[in-house]
Amino acid sequence: MTSGHEKSAHRLAERKGCRLDKVGKGQSRFSIVDLSSGGRVRSGVPEHEYSFSLEEAETWLASRDDGPKK
């Protein structure tokens, strides 16, 4: 994972009305925070209920409707 790839994922999250937060130190797991509700999004992965790999986060964000709900 490059820093450019991570920055791209952060921009995608912003466009979708979310925030991507790094989980833990030295891990490549992220949580997605829905800014409209302020809550974390469930990943659907049993071992990592609220965290995503960068690729999983991008897939989840890409499937979400554009922009924050108003």
Protein backbone atom coordinates (compact mmCIF):
# COMPACT_ATOMS: atom_id res chain seq x y z
CA MET A 1 0.00 0.00 0.00
CA THR A 2 1.41 3.35 -0.97
CA SER A 3 0.67 6.65 0.70
CA GLY A 4 -0.87 7.79 -2.60
CA HIS A 5 -3.27 4.84 -2.52
CA GLU A 6 -4.25 5.68 1.05
CA LYS A 7 -4.76 9.37 0.20
CA SER A 8 -6.99 8.38 -2.69
CA ALA A 9 -9.12 6.27 -0.33
CA HIS A 10 -9.39 9.20 2.11
CA ARG A 11 -10.60 11.47 -0.71
CA LEU A 12 -13.15 8.85 -1.79
CA ALA A 13 -14.44 8.65 1.79
CA GLU A 14 -14.80 12.45 1.95
CA ARG A 15 -16.80 12.47 -1.30
CA LYS A 16 -19.11 9.83 0.14
CA GLY A 17 -19.74 11.74 3.40
CA CYS A 18 -17.46 9.55 5.50
CA ARG A 19 -14.12 9.64 7.24
CA LEU A 20 -11.48 6.92 7.07
CA ASP A 21 -9.60 6.42 10.37
CA LYS A 22 -6.56 4.21 10.88
CA VAL A 23 -7.15 1.50 13.49
CA GLY A 24 -4.30 0.53 15.79
CA LYS A 25 -0.64 1.24 15.46
CA GLY A 26 1.30 -0.35 12.63
CA GLN A 27 -1.75 -2.11 11.24
CA SER A 28 -3.24 -1.57 7.84
CA ARG A 29 -6.86 -1.63 9.06
CA PHE A 30 -9.25 1.30 8.85
CA SER A 31 -12.62 2.20 10.26
CA ILE A 32 -15.19 4.10 8.24
CA VAL A 33 -17.12 6.76 10.14
CA ASP A 34 -20.42 7.94 8.64
CA LEU A 35 -20.31 11.69 9.25
CA SER A 36 -24.11 12.10 9.11
CA SER A 37 -24.66 9.71 12.03
CA GLY A 38 -21.22 9.92 13.64
CA GLY A 39 -21.12 6.13 13.92
CA ARG A 40 -18.69 3.55 12.65
CA VAL A 41 -19.77 1.30 9.79
CA ARG A 42 -19.85 -2.49 10.25
CA SER A 43 -17.50 -4.34 7.92
CA GLY A 44 -19.28 -7.69 7.89
CA VAL A 45 -16.00 -9.48 8.66
CA PRO A 46 -16.40 -11.58 11.86
CA GLU A 47 -12.82 -11.10 13.13
CA HIS A 48 -12.83 -7.38 12.32
CA GLU A 49 -16.39 -6.24 12.97
CA TYR A 50 -15.70 -2.50 12.51
CA SER A 51 -12.47 -2.44 10.53
CA PHE A 52 -11.61 -2.77 6.86
CA SER A 53 -8.48 -3.35 4.84
CA LEU A 54 -7.84 -0.46 2.48
CA GLU A 55 -9.22 -2.48 -0.43
CA GLU A 56 -12.33 -3.51 1.54
CA ALA A 57 -12.92 0.13 2.50
CA GLU A 58 -12.63 1.27 -1.11
CA THR A 59 -15.09 -1.41 -2.23
CA TRP A 60 -17.58 -0.47 0.50
CA LEU A 61 -17.27 3.24 -0.27
CA ALA A 62 -17.62 2.69 -4.03
CA SER A 63 -20.92 0.88 -3.45
CA ARG A 64 -22.33 3.78 -1.39
CA ASP A 65 -24.45 6.51 -2.98
CA ASP A 66 -22.55 9.71 -3.77
CA GLY A 67 -22.36 12.46 -1.19
CA PRO A 68 -23.67 12.93 2.30
CA LYS A 69 -27.40 12.76 2.92
CA LYS A 70 -29.01 16.17 3.48
